[in-house]
Amino acid sequence: MKRRTLLGAAAGTAIGVLDWLSFFRRFGVPGTPKTLGFAEAAAQNMGAEPRFLIYWFQEGGWDSYSMFSPVDTPNHALLTIPANTLNPSPAWSSQIYRPRGYGPALASAVAPRTHAATGITYGYLADDGAELLPDMAIVSSHAGNTFHSGGRWEYHYGKYASYTPMTAARRPVERTVMQAFCEAYGSSLPLAHVSWHRWLSDGELEEANYPEGTGYYGKLGPAYAHTNYGRTPTEMRNRLALLGNVTSAARNARIRTYTDDLHQAFLQDKTGETVRSFDSAVRIYKQLNGSSGVVVNPQTMFTDAALRAEFGVQPSDEATTSTSVNGNPARSKDSPNVNVQALMTFELMTKGLSAGFFIENRQIRGYDTHQDRRGIMASRGQNDQKAMLNKDLWTPLKALVRKLKTTQYGTSGKSYWDLTTIVLCSEMGRTIQGDVASILASSDPDATKYTKIMEQDCCQHWRVNSVAFLGGTVQGGKQYGRVGTSSLEAIPIRLNDGSLDPSFDPVTGLSRGTKDPNSVVTHAGHVYATALDLSGINPAGKGLNTAPPMPFIKKV
C-alpha cells in the first residue's frame, strides 16, 4: 500500500469511519494482519466504554395530569348545566375537565394510583408502562413550553442564559443534546446520530422563515455527530448499502500523507480518534463483506421475522403519513410508526452502526387534543390519549427494554441496557380548565358571553409537564416532585436531592412562606444536562445550555 494513496489528516484532524470505508471500497484494507492487530489493541486500550442515548418524544403535548404529574380532581364535564347559564356552581373558571370516564362511577379506573413496589404515584395513561416503574426515575415537577416548536427546540438544545431566537443562524458552539452526545461517543460509528423527527413537519412554522442553518440545524459539531434522518427501513437499507461510496469535498481536501508507519500512528495519542475510526471501519467492512463472525447485510436489516414479531411490526407500520396544520400544506415526518423506529434503533445499535437516537411519534399533532367547552360537556370529558400512548410509547418501549436487557454487548458481560440512557418527554402538558374572567367582564350581551364560554378551548397547551429517565445508570423506582391538588401547579424541588421545597404545602401546592432559592421547577435544560451526565459526559460547556443536571437521578 503506497503512502501517497492513504487518507490523511493535516494538523491532527481525525479521519472518520466513512472516509475509511470509502477508501476500503476503492483500495481494500491497508496493512498486514499485524497492523490490524495493532489497530484493535490500540482501540481497546483507549478504554472508552460505548454508550447509547435514546430520546423518546411525544410530539403534540401529553396530558401530564393523567401521566407522570398525576392529580385527582372532580370531572365537572359530568355536570348538567342549563343553557345560557353564566354563573353555575362551581363557576366556569373553577370547573375541571378530565378525560371521558373520569368520574365517580369509574374513579378506580382513572384516578391516580400508587405502585406497590416503588411508591410512585402515576396517572392512568401510564398503566401499560407500570412494569417499567422500578426502572424509572420520574420528575413530576417539570415545566413544558406552551409553544410547540419552541418546546421541541428546547428539548433538543436545552435552555440558554440569554435568549437566542430560533430564526437566528445557529452558532458553531451550539449543540443539540444528540450532537453533544455523539461528539463524545460517535467518532468511530458510520451513522452515529439517527433521528426520526422533522423540524418543520408539524406545520406550525413557515418554511421561508427557517432557511438552512436556523431553527433545528443538523450540522453542528464534527461531521460524525451530524443528524442522520432515519426515515423508513427501505431508505435506511439503501443508505447502508451506499456507505462505501461516500465522497465529499471536505474529505478530498484532507487527503494527505497519513503516516510512514501505521504501527507508530496507532500508538500516538494524537491519532486516537483515527485509530478508533480505523478499527471500527475494519470491523464494519468485514461485516458488510461477510468476513467476520457477525454479518451486516444491509438488504436484510430490519427484516428478521422473529424480531419484527417481538416489536409487533406490520407492513402498514412502515408507511409514512402527512397532515395539514393551520391551513399550511400537508407535511410529513417521513417516518414509520414508533415500533419500527424502536426496531431500527435496536438493530443499528447492536450492529455497531449508531449510538444516539431521537424517536418521535409518526403522526403530526396527534396529541394536540384541543377541545372546546361545548364539545367537552357534550362528550362528558376530554379526549383520551390512552390508546395513542400505548401504541406510540408503552408497547414498543417495553419490547425495546426487554431486548436491551437480554442482549449482551460483545463479550463484556454487560447488557446493552447497562450502557443505555432513555429519556421520555413531551414538549408540554394539557390544560384541564378555562378562565372566563375576561369574558364575563366584557360589555358583550349575555348571549354572546355564553357563546364565547362554550367556544373556549379547555385543553390547550400547558406548562405543567413531566419527564422520566430509564437505563443502566438511572436510580430506578424513584419519583421527584408533584402537582398540588389546589394549585394544580408543579411544586418546586431542590436541585441537590430532589426533595420538595418546604415553603409549599406538599399536598395542596399552595405557598406557605419564602421560596427556597435553591428549588426549581425543572425544564428541558435540566433534562439536556442530566441525559449527558447519565451518559458519563460532563455537561458543562456542551452547547450553550446553562441548566445543571439533576444529580439525584444518577445511580450511585
Protein backbone atom coordinates (compact mmCIF):
# COMPACT_ATOMS: atom_id res chain seq x y z
CA MET A 1 0.00 0.00 0.00
CA LYS A 2 1.62 3.22 -1.14
CA ARG A 3 1.86 6.00 1.34
CA ARG A 4 0.50 8.66 -1.03
CA THR A 5 -2.75 6.75 -1.51
CA LEU A 6 -3.70 6.76 2.17
CA LEU A 7 -6.29 9.14 3.51
CA GLY A 8 -4.58 11.75 5.63
CA ALA A 9 -5.22 14.47 8.13
CA ALA A 10 -3.48 17.80 8.39
CA ALA A 11 -2.81 19.26 11.82
CA GLY A 12 -4.01 16.11 13.58
CA THR A 13 -7.58 16.22 12.21
CA ALA A 14 -9.16 12.80 12.75
CA ILE A 15 -10.19 10.59 9.86
CA GLY A 16 -13.77 9.36 10.20
CA VAL A 17 -15.27 5.95 9.61
CA LEU A 18 -16.98 6.94 6.36
CA ASP A 19 -13.65 8.12 4.96
CA TRP A 20 -12.03 4.78 5.75
CA LEU A 21 -14.97 2.79 4.37
CA SER A 22 -14.89 4.73 1.13
CA PHE A 23 -11.15 4.13 0.86
CA PHE A 24 -11.50 0.41 1.63
CA ARG A 25 -14.07 0.10 -1.17
CA ARG A 26 -11.56 1.50 -3.67
CA PHE A 27 -8.28 0.01 -2.46
CA GLY A 28 -9.03 -2.68 0.12
CA VAL A 29 -7.97 -2.71 3.76
CA PRO A 30 -4.39 -1.44 4.18
CA GLY A 31 -1.78 -3.12 6.31
CA THR A 32 -0.80 -6.61 7.37
CA PRO A 33 -2.57 -8.77 9.95
CA LYS A 34 -0.02 -7.42 12.40
CA THR A 35 -1.09 -3.86 11.58
CA LEU A 36 -4.74 -4.72 12.06
CA GLY A 37 -3.86 -6.31 15.37
CA PHE A 38 -2.18 -3.08 16.44
CA ALA A 39 -5.34 -1.17 15.49
CA GLU A 40 -7.59 -3.45 17.52
CA ALA A 41 -5.26 -3.39 20.52
CA ALA A 42 -4.85 0.39 20.41
CA ALA A 43 -8.58 0.94 20.15
CA GLN A 44 -9.23 -1.38 23.09
CA ASN A 45 -6.52 0.24 25.18
CA MET A 46 -8.27 3.59 24.87
CA GLY A 47 -10.73 2.12 27.34
CA ALA A 48 -13.73 4.14 26.17
CA GLU A 49 -16.83 2.12 27.03
CA PRO A 50 -19.58 2.51 24.42
CA ARG A 51 -22.69 4.35 25.47
CA PHE A 52 -26.11 4.83 23.89
CA LEU A 53 -28.71 7.60 24.30
CA ILE A 54 -32.37 7.45 23.25
CA TYR A 55 -34.84 10.35 23.47
CA TRP A 56 -38.42 9.09 23.16
CA PHE A 57 -40.51 12.17 22.39
CA GLN A 58 -44.31 12.50 22.23
CA GLU A 59 -44.83 15.46 19.89
CA GLY A 60 -48.03 17.40 20.48
CA GLY A 61 -48.24 17.52 24.28
CA TRP A 62 -49.38 14.67 26.52
CA ASP A 63 -51.95 15.07 29.30
CA SER A 64 -49.40 15.16 32.12
CA TYR A 65 -52.11 15.45 34.79
CA SER A 66 -53.05 11.88 33.82
CA MET A 67 -49.49 10.71 33.18
CA PHE A 68 -46.46 11.49 35.37
CA SER A 69 -47.88 14.62 37.09
CA PRO A 70 -50.96 12.89 38.49
CA VAL A 71 -53.62 14.77 40.42
CA ASP A 72 -57.06 13.59 41.48
CA THR A 73 -59.90 16.03 40.80
CA PRO A 74 -63.63 16.08 40.10
CA ASN A 75 -64.72 15.89 36.47
CA HIS A 76 -67.14 18.75 36.04
CA ALA A 77 -67.82 17.70 32.47
CA LEU A 78 -70.33 15.33 34.06
CA LEU A 79 -72.45 18.25 35.34
CA THR A 80 -75.80 19.08 33.75
CA ILE A 81 -75.96 22.88 33.47
CA PRO A 82 -78.92 24.72 31.90
CA ALA A 83 -78.17 26.54 28.65
CA ASN A 84 -77.14 30.19 28.79
CA THR A 85 -76.07 29.94 32.44
CA LEU A 86 -73.26 32.41 33.14
CA ASN A 87 -72.75 31.69 36.83
CA PRO A 88 -73.11 27.96 37.54
CA SER A 89 -71.83 26.24 40.66
CA PRO A 90 -68.94 25.66 40.60
CA ALA A 91 -68.16 28.70 38.47
CA TRP A 92 -66.99 28.15 34.90
CA SER A 93 -63.42 29.19 35.75
CA SER A 94 -63.32 26.73 38.66
CA GLN A 95 -64.59 23.76 36.71
CA ILE A 96 -62.10 20.98 35.94
CA TYR A 97 -62.45 18.71 32.92
CA ARG A 98 -60.82 15.29 32.82
CA PRO A 99 -60.86 12.63 30.09
CA ARG A 100 -64.04 10.73 29.34
CA GLY A 101 -64.92 8.20 32.01
CA TYR A 102 -63.18 10.17 34.75
CA GLY A 103 -65.82 10.39 37.41
CA PRO A 104 -67.27 8.73 40.50
CA ALA A 105 -68.52 5.62 38.71
CA LEU A 106 -65.13 4.84 37.20
CA ALA A 107 -62.80 6.59 39.64
CA SER A 108 -60.83 3.42 40.32
CA ALA A 109 -60.07 3.12 36.60
CA VAL A 110 -58.73 6.62 36.04
CA ALA A 111 -57.76 8.18 39.39
CA PRO A 112 -54.03 8.31 40.28
CA ARG A 113 -52.67 5.06 41.60
CA THR A 114 -49.60 4.17 43.65
CA HIS A 115 -47.20 1.46 42.54
CA ALA A 116 -46.88 -1.05 45.37
CA ALA A 117 -43.17 -1.84 44.93
CA THR A 118 -41.85 1.68 44.38
CA GLY A 119 -44.38 4.05 45.90
CA ILE A 120 -44.50 6.01 42.63
CA THR A 121 -47.84 7.75 42.03
CA TYR A 122 -48.85 7.85 38.38
CA GLY A 123 -51.85 8.50 36.18
CA TYR A 124 -53.91 6.01 34.24
CA LEU A 125 -52.15 6.95 30.98
CA ALA A 126 -49.07 5.18 32.36
CA ASP A 127 -50.95 1.99 33.29
CA ASP A 128 -49.45 -0.02 30.46
CA GLY A 129 -45.95 1.07 31.44
CA ALA A 130 -46.32 0.22 35.14
CA GLU A 131 -43.99 -2.77 34.83
CA LEU A 132 -41.18 -0.34 33.92
CA LEU A 133 -41.62 1.87 37.01
CA PRO A 134 -38.92 0.02 39.01
CA ASP A 135 -36.51 1.08 36.24
CA MET A 136 -37.73 4.67 36.01
CA ALA A 137 -36.82 7.94 37.70
CA ILE A 138 -39.81 10.26 37.23
CA VAL A 139 -39.69 14.03 37.63
CA SER A 140 -43.26 15.22 38.23
CA SER A 141 -42.31 18.85 38.94
CA HIS A 142 -41.37 19.80 35.41
CA ALA A 143 -42.23 22.70 33.12
CA GLY A 144 -43.08 22.50 29.45
CA ASN A 145 -43.07 25.22 26.81
CA THR A 146 -46.55 26.17 25.58
CA PHE A 147 -45.23 26.84 22.06
CA HIS A 148 -44.98 23.53 20.16
CA SER A 149 -41.89 24.29 18.11
CA GLY A 150 -40.27 26.21 20.95
CA GLY A 151 -40.74 23.25 23.26
CA ARG A 152 -39.32 20.80 20.73
CA TRP A 153 -36.38 23.14 20.12
CA GLU A 154 -35.60 23.32 23.86
CA TYR A 155 -35.62 19.55 24.30
CA HIS A 156 -33.01 19.42 21.54
CA TYR A 157 -30.86 22.42 22.53
CA GLY A 158 -31.55 22.94 26.23
CA LYS A 159 -32.10 26.36 27.85
CA TYR A 160 -29.79 29.31 27.27
CA ALA A 161 -28.96 32.10 29.70
CA SER A 162 -29.71 34.69 27.02
CA TYR A 163 -32.49 34.12 24.56
CA THR A 164 -31.38 33.09 21.08
CA PRO A 165 -34.21 33.37 18.54
CA MET A 166 -34.98 30.17 16.69
CA THR A 167 -34.93 32.19 13.47
CA ALA A 168 -31.29 33.18 14.07
CA ALA A 169 -28.43 31.32 12.43
CA ARG A 170 -27.11 28.66 14.78
CA ARG A 171 -23.68 29.41 16.16
CA PRO A 172 -20.78 26.94 15.88
CA VAL A 173 -20.73 26.47 19.66
CA GLU A 174 -24.37 25.38 19.82
CA ARG A 175 -25.20 21.67 20.04
CA THR A 176 -28.32 19.59 20.33
CA VAL A 177 -28.15 17.02 23.10
CA MET A 178 -27.67 14.27 20.48
CA GLN A 179 -24.91 16.19 18.75
CA ALA A 180 -23.13 16.70 22.09
CA PHE A 181 -23.55 13.02 22.97
CA CYS A 182 -22.38 11.74 19.60
CA GLU A 183 -19.46 14.15 19.60
CA ALA A 184 -18.24 12.23 22.65
CA TYR A 185 -19.20 8.70 21.61
CA GLY A 186 -19.74 8.64 17.87
CA SER A 187 -16.36 9.20 16.20
CA SER A 188 -15.95 5.54 15.26
CA LEU A 189 -19.51 4.92 14.05
CA PRO A 190 -20.72 5.33 10.47
CA LEU A 191 -24.17 6.72 11.40
CA ALA A 192 -23.66 7.81 14.99
CA HIS A 193 -26.75 10.05 15.27
CA VAL A 194 -30.11 8.89 13.89
CA SER A 195 -33.33 10.87 14.41
CA TRP A 196 -36.91 10.38 13.28
CA HIS A 197 -38.14 13.93 13.78
CA ARG A 198 -38.55 16.60 11.10
CA TRP A 199 -38.09 20.13 12.38
CA LEU A 200 -40.75 21.83 10.23
CA SER A 201 -43.09 18.90 9.81
CA ASP A 202 -45.60 19.94 12.46
CA GLY A 203 -46.85 22.72 10.18
CA GLU A 204 -46.61 25.45 12.79
CA LEU A 205 -43.65 27.32 11.27
CA GLU A 206 -43.34 28.82 7.81
CA GLU A 207 -40.50 27.19 5.89
CA ALA A 208 -39.49 30.52 4.34
CA ASN A 209 -38.61 31.85 7.80
CA TYR A 210 -36.28 28.96 8.59
CA PRO A 211 -33.59 28.59 5.92
CA GLU A 212 -30.67 26.19 6.27
CA GLY A 213 -28.74 26.85 9.47
CA THR A 214 -31.63 28.24 11.54
CA GLY A 215 -34.13 26.56 13.86
CA TYR A 216 -33.08 22.96 14.32
CA TYR A 217 -29.79 22.62 12.46
CA GLY A 218 -28.46 19.12 11.96
CA LYS A 219 -24.89 20.02 11.03
CA LEU A 220 -23.37 21.38 14.23
CA GLY A 221 -20.15 19.91 15.60
CA PRO A 222 -17.99 17.28 13.89
CA ALA A 223 -19.44 15.61 10.83
CA TYR A 224 -19.80 12.24 12.52
CA ALA A 225 -22.20 13.79 15.07
CA HIS A 226 -24.46 15.41 12.47
CA THR A 227 -28.12 14.41 12.27
CA ASN A 228 -28.96 11.47 10.02
CA TYR A 229 -32.71 11.21 9.47
CA GLY A 230 -33.71 7.59 9.98
CA ARG A 231 -36.72 7.66 7.67
CA THR A 232 -38.08 4.24 6.66
CA PRO A 233 -36.42 0.81 6.75
CA THR A 234 -36.19 0.73 2.97
CA GLU A 235 -34.41 4.07 2.80
CA MET A 236 -32.06 3.13 5.65
CA ARG A 237 -31.14 -0.14 3.92
CA ASN A 238 -30.29 1.77 0.78
CA ARG A 239 -28.18 4.22 2.74
CA LEU A 240 -26.26 1.47 4.49
CA ALA A 241 -25.57 -0.20 1.15
CA LEU A 242 -24.00 3.03 -0.12
CA LEU A 243 -21.77 3.69 2.88
CA GLY A 244 -18.64 2.70 0.99
CA ASN A 245 -19.32 5.16 -1.80
CA VAL A 246 -19.35 8.34 0.28
CA THR A 247 -17.37 11.19 -1.23
CA SER A 248 -17.14 14.82 -0.21
CA ALA A 249 -15.14 17.93 -0.94
CA ALA A 250 -14.16 18.10 2.72
CA ARG A 251 -12.68 14.61 2.59
CA ASN A 252 -10.83 15.27 -0.64
CA ALA A 253 -9.40 18.46 0.83
CA ARG A 254 -7.97 16.41 3.72
CA ILE A 255 -6.15 13.84 1.61
CA ARG A 256 -2.57 13.98 2.79
CA THR A 257 0.10 11.54 3.70
CA TYR A 258 -1.20 9.88 6.83
CA THR A 259 1.87 8.07 8.11
CA ASP A 260 5.16 6.45 7.23
CA ASP A 261 4.48 3.68 9.72
CA LEU A 262 0.97 2.60 10.63
CA HIS A 263 2.27 0.91 13.77
CA GLN A 264 3.57 4.17 15.18
CA ALA A 265 0.45 6.07 14.22
CA PHE A 266 -1.70 3.61 16.12
CA LEU A 267 0.36 4.22 19.25
CA GLN A 268 0.28 8.02 19.16
CA ASP A 269 -2.34 9.71 21.32
CA LYS A 270 -2.94 12.44 18.76
CA THR A 271 -4.38 9.88 16.34
CA GLY A 272 -6.73 8.38 18.92
CA GLU A 273 -9.95 9.19 17.08
CA THR A 274 -8.49 7.97 13.80
CA VAL A 275 -7.42 4.71 15.45
CA ARG A 276 -10.93 4.14 16.72
CA SER A 277 -12.34 5.04 13.31
CA PHE A 278 -9.92 2.73 11.52
CA ASP A 279 -10.60 -0.17 13.87
CA SER A 280 -14.39 0.32 13.68
CA ALA A 281 -14.28 0.65 9.89
CA VAL A 282 -12.30 -2.58 9.55
CA ARG A 283 -14.90 -4.42 11.61
CA ILE A 284 -17.79 -2.84 9.71
CA TYR A 285 -16.10 -3.57 6.38
CA LYS A 286 -15.69 -7.21 7.37
CA GLN A 287 -19.31 -7.37 8.47
CA LEU A 288 -20.56 -5.82 5.25
CA ASN A 289 -18.49 -8.31 3.29
CA GLY A 290 -19.32 -11.36 5.38
CA SER A 291 -15.75 -11.97 6.55
CA SER A 292 -16.36 -11.82 10.30
CA GLY A 293 -18.47 -13.68 12.80
CA VAL A 294 -21.28 -11.13 12.69
CA VAL A 295 -22.53 -10.27 9.23
CA VAL A 296 -24.22 -6.94 8.50
CA ASN A 297 -26.08 -7.32 5.24
CA PRO A 298 -27.83 -4.01 4.58
CA GLN A 299 -30.52 -5.64 2.49
CA THR A 300 -31.61 -7.90 5.35
CA MET A 301 -31.59 -5.23 8.06
CA PHE A 302 -35.00 -4.76 9.76
CA THR A 303 -36.46 -7.81 8.00
CA ASP A 304 -35.96 -10.57 10.59
CA ALA A 305 -39.39 -12.11 11.13
CA ALA A 306 -38.82 -13.01 14.78
CA LEU A 307 -37.59 -9.53 15.67
CA ARG A 308 -40.43 -7.87 13.80
CA ALA A 309 -42.87 -10.06 15.73
CA GLU A 310 -41.30 -9.02 19.05
CA PHE A 311 -41.86 -5.36 18.13
CA GLY A 312 -45.31 -6.08 16.67
CA VAL A 313 -44.39 -4.67 13.26
CA GLN A 314 -46.98 -4.87 10.48
CA PRO A 315 -46.38 -3.73 6.87
CA SER A 316 -48.56 -0.66 7.42
CA ASP A 317 -46.27 0.46 10.26
CA GLU A 318 -43.51 1.15 7.74
CA ALA A 319 -45.58 3.68 5.82
CA THR A 320 -45.43 7.43 6.40
CA THR A 321 -48.30 9.86 6.94
CA SER A 322 -48.86 13.54 6.15
CA THR A 323 -51.04 16.15 7.83
CA SER A 324 -52.12 19.72 7.11
CA VAL A 325 -51.95 22.03 10.15
CA ASN A 326 -53.31 25.57 10.44
CA GLY A 327 -54.07 25.68 6.74
CA ASN A 328 -50.46 25.05 5.76
CA PRO A 329 -49.60 22.47 3.10
CA ALA A 330 -49.67 18.88 4.31
CA ARG A 331 -46.33 17.78 5.70
CA SER A 332 -44.80 14.52 6.80
CA LYS A 333 -42.10 13.47 9.24
CA ASP A 334 -41.20 10.89 6.60
CA SER A 335 -41.06 8.39 9.45
CA PRO A 336 -42.54 4.95 10.10
CA ASN A 337 -44.56 4.04 13.15
CA VAL A 338 -42.75 4.14 16.51
CA ASN A 339 -42.48 0.35 16.85
CA VAL A 340 -40.50 0.34 13.58
CA GLN A 341 -38.28 3.14 14.86
CA ALA A 342 -37.63 1.10 18.01
CA LEU A 343 -36.75 -2.00 15.99
CA MET A 344 -34.42 0.03 13.76
CA THR A 345 -32.82 1.57 16.86
CA PHE A 346 -32.12 -1.86 18.31
CA GLU A 347 -30.54 -3.19 15.12
CA LEU A 348 -28.48 -0.07 14.39
CA MET A 349 -27.24 -0.14 17.98
CA THR A 350 -26.38 -3.83 18.17
CA LYS A 351 -24.78 -3.94 14.71
CA GLY A 352 -22.29 -1.26 15.78
CA LEU A 353 -23.62 1.40 13.41
CA SER A 354 -25.23 4.07 15.65
CA ALA A 355 -25.26 5.36 19.24
CA GLY A 356 -27.71 8.27 19.56
CA PHE A 357 -31.40 8.13 18.63
CA PHE A 358 -34.35 10.56 18.71
CA ILE A 359 -37.62 8.61 18.41
CA GLU A 360 -40.81 10.58 17.78
CA ASN A 361 -44.41 9.60 17.09
CA ARG A 362 -45.25 9.36 13.40
CA GLN A 363 -48.48 11.37 13.39
CA ILE A 364 -48.37 15.16 13.44
CA ARG A 365 -50.23 16.86 16.30
CA GLY A 366 -51.86 13.59 17.34
CA TYR A 367 -51.54 14.57 21.00
CA ASP A 368 -52.60 18.16 20.40
CA THR A 369 -56.08 17.34 21.67
CA HIS A 370 -57.73 20.77 21.68
CA GLN A 371 -61.42 20.71 22.53
CA ASP A 372 -63.86 23.50 23.33
CA ARG A 373 -66.08 23.54 26.39
CA ARG A 374 -69.21 22.71 24.41
CA GLY A 375 -67.62 19.58 22.98
CA ILE A 376 -66.21 18.55 26.36
CA MET A 377 -69.60 18.89 28.05
CA ALA A 378 -71.34 17.03 25.24
CA SER A 379 -68.92 14.10 25.34
CA ARG A 380 -68.73 14.07 29.15
CA GLY A 381 -64.99 14.64 29.20
CA GLN A 382 -61.87 15.47 27.21
CA ASN A 383 -60.27 13.33 24.55
CA ASP A 384 -58.49 10.25 25.90
CA GLN A 385 -54.82 9.77 24.90
CA LYS A 386 -54.50 6.26 26.34
CA ALA A 387 -54.71 4.30 23.08
CA MET A 388 -52.17 6.58 21.39
CA LEU A 389 -49.71 6.33 24.27
CA ASN A 390 -49.98 2.55 24.33
CA LYS A 391 -49.20 2.43 20.61
CA ASP A 392 -46.55 5.15 20.49
CA LEU A 393 -44.81 4.59 23.81
CA TRP A 394 -45.56 1.71 26.13
CA THR A 395 -45.87 -1.27 23.79
CA PRO A 396 -42.74 -0.57 21.70
CA LEU A 397 -40.75 0.73 24.72
CA LYS A 398 -41.38 -2.46 26.68
CA ALA A 399 -40.25 -4.51 23.68
CA LEU A 400 -37.07 -2.46 23.34
CA VAL A 401 -36.26 -2.62 27.06
CA ARG A 402 -36.65 -6.42 27.01
CA LYS A 403 -34.25 -6.69 24.10
CA LEU A 404 -31.69 -4.33 25.63
CA LYS A 405 -31.73 -6.21 28.93
CA THR A 406 -31.30 -9.62 27.32
CA THR A 407 -28.67 -8.73 24.71
CA GLN A 408 -25.04 -8.74 25.80
CA TYR A 409 -22.63 -6.16 24.44
CA GLY A 410 -19.88 -8.25 22.82
CA THR A 411 -18.11 -10.30 25.47
CA SER A 412 -18.21 -7.51 28.07
CA GLY A 413 -20.55 -9.26 30.46
CA LYS A 414 -22.74 -6.14 30.27
CA SER A 415 -26.06 -5.84 28.52
CA TYR A 416 -26.97 -3.03 26.14
CA TRP A 417 -29.34 -1.86 28.87
CA ASP A 418 -26.37 -1.28 31.18
CA LEU A 419 -24.88 1.09 28.58
CA THR A 420 -28.06 2.93 27.54
CA THR A 421 -29.93 6.01 28.78
CA ILE A 422 -33.56 6.56 27.73
CA VAL A 423 -35.44 9.86 28.18
CA LEU A 424 -39.25 10.02 27.92
CA CYS A 425 -40.62 13.51 27.30
CA SER A 426 -43.16 15.73 25.53
CA GLU A 427 -42.91 19.43 24.82
CA MET A 428 -45.86 20.37 27.04
CA GLY A 429 -48.85 19.20 29.06
CA ARG A 430 -52.54 19.98 28.51
CA THR A 431 -54.92 22.27 30.42
CA ILE A 432 -57.94 20.93 32.27
CA GLN A 433 -59.61 24.31 32.90
CA GLY A 434 -60.54 27.56 31.20
CA ASP A 435 -60.57 31.03 32.81
CA VAL A 436 -63.63 33.07 31.78
CA ALA A 437 -62.99 36.20 33.88
CA SER A 438 -62.23 38.40 30.87
CA ILE A 439 -65.33 37.13 29.06
CA LEU A 440 -67.63 37.90 31.98
CA ALA A 441 -66.04 41.33 32.46
CA SER A 442 -66.65 42.32 28.85
CA SER A 443 -69.53 44.53 27.67
CA ASP A 444 -70.89 41.80 25.38
CA PRO A 445 -74.53 40.75 25.68
CA ASP A 446 -75.09 37.74 27.92
CA ALA A 447 -75.87 35.50 24.94
CA THR A 448 -72.54 36.41 23.34
CA LYS A 449 -70.71 35.80 26.62
CA TYR A 450 -72.24 32.37 26.90
CA THR A 451 -71.28 31.51 23.32
CA LYS A 452 -67.67 32.56 24.00
CA ILE A 453 -67.61 30.48 27.19
CA MET A 454 -68.81 27.43 25.25
CA GLU A 455 -66.26 28.05 22.49
CA GLN A 456 -63.36 28.37 24.91
CA ASP A 457 -60.61 25.79 24.40
CA CYS A 458 -60.16 23.94 27.70
CA CYS A 459 -57.48 21.52 26.51
CA GLN A 460 -54.79 23.95 25.48
CA HIS A 461 -51.00 23.86 25.67
CA TRP A 462 -49.89 23.97 29.30
CA ARG A 463 -46.70 24.35 31.32
CA VAL A 464 -47.42 21.57 33.84
CA ASN A 465 -45.36 18.70 32.47
CA SER A 466 -43.20 15.73 33.45
CA VAL A 467 -40.24 13.67 32.28
CA ALA A 468 -38.82 10.22 33.03
CA PHE A 469 -35.41 8.55 32.73
CA LEU A 470 -34.53 4.86 32.34
CA GLY A 471 -31.32 2.95 31.79
CA GLY A 472 -28.29 1.35 33.30
CA THR A 473 -27.08 4.41 35.22
CA VAL A 474 -30.53 5.55 36.40
CA GLN A 475 -31.61 5.10 40.02
CA GLY A 476 -34.95 3.50 39.21
CA GLY A 477 -38.12 3.29 41.25
CA LYS A 478 -37.95 6.97 42.24
CA GLN A 479 -40.24 9.98 41.85
CA TYR A 480 -39.35 13.62 42.40
CA GLY A 481 -41.87 16.41 42.83
CA ARG A 482 -45.63 16.51 42.45
CA VAL A 483 -48.56 18.72 41.46
CA GLY A 484 -50.59 20.49 44.14
CA THR A 485 -54.20 19.39 44.48
CA SER A 486 -55.36 23.02 44.89
CA SER A 487 -52.79 24.97 42.90
CA LEU A 488 -52.70 22.41 40.06
CA GLU A 489 -49.12 23.67 39.62
CA ALA A 490 -45.82 21.83 39.93
CA ILE A 491 -44.27 22.12 43.39
CA PRO A 492 -40.60 23.21 43.14
CA ILE A 493 -37.90 20.71 44.13
CA ARG A 494 -34.39 21.20 45.48
CA LEU A 495 -31.75 20.53 42.86
CA ASN A 496 -29.30 18.89 45.25
CA ASP A 497 -31.51 15.99 46.31
CA GLY A 498 -34.89 16.31 44.57
CA SER A 499 -36.84 16.95 47.78
CA LEU A 500 -39.90 19.19 47.78
CA ASP A 501 -39.43 22.86 48.66
CA PRO A 502 -40.83 23.08 52.23
CA SER A 503 -42.19 26.57 51.58
CA PHE A 504 -45.02 24.95 49.60
CA ASP A 505 -47.69 22.74 51.10
CA PRO A 506 -46.78 19.21 49.92
CA VAL A 507 -50.41 18.32 49.24
CA THR A 508 -52.19 21.47 48.08
CA GLY A 509 -49.13 23.05 46.49
CA LEU A 510 -50.02 26.45 47.94
CA SER A 511 -47.24 28.74 49.12
CA ARG A 512 -46.68 28.95 52.88
CA GLY A 513 -43.52 31.03 53.05
CA THR A 514 -40.50 32.32 51.20
CA LYS A 515 -39.45 30.08 48.32
CA ASP A 516 -36.17 28.21 48.77
CA PRO A 517 -33.70 29.93 46.37
CA ASN A 518 -32.21 26.54 45.53
CA SER A 519 -35.51 24.98 44.45
CA VAL A 520 -36.77 24.91 40.87
CA VAL A 521 -39.43 23.52 38.63
CA THR A 522 -37.18 21.66 36.22
CA HIS A 523 -37.29 22.23 32.46
CA ALA A 524 -35.80 20.96 29.20
CA GLY A 525 -32.37 22.38 30.04
CA HIS A 526 -32.12 20.21 33.16
CA VAL A 527 -33.11 17.20 31.03
CA TYR A 528 -30.38 18.02 28.48
CA ALA A 529 -27.71 18.20 31.20
CA THR A 530 -28.99 15.10 33.03
CA ALA A 531 -29.05 12.98 29.87
CA LEU A 532 -25.38 13.79 29.25
CA ASP A 533 -24.45 13.29 32.90
CA LEU A 534 -26.11 9.86 32.93
CA SER A 535 -24.07 9.01 29.84
CA GLY A 536 -20.79 9.82 31.56
CA ILE A 537 -20.36 13.24 29.93
CA ASN A 538 -19.74 16.40 31.92
CA PRO A 539 -22.48 18.68 30.51
CA ALA A 540 -20.60 21.90 31.33
CA GLY A 541 -19.63 23.63 28.11
CA LYS A 542 -21.58 21.24 25.89
CA GLY A 543 -23.56 23.53 23.64
CA LEU A 544 -25.00 26.67 25.22
CA ASN A 545 -27.33 25.01 27.71
CA THR A 546 -26.79 26.59 31.12
CA ALA A 547 -29.03 24.44 33.32
CA PRO A 548 -27.30 21.93 35.60
CA PRO A 549 -28.05 18.21 35.75
CA MET A 550 -30.30 16.62 38.34
CA PRO A 551 -27.71 14.60 40.29
CA PHE A 552 -30.29 12.58 42.22
CA ILE A 553 -31.34 10.75 39.03
CA LYS A 554 -27.98 9.01 38.72
CA LYS A 555 -27.31 5.65 40.31
CA VAL A 556 -24.54 5.84 42.91
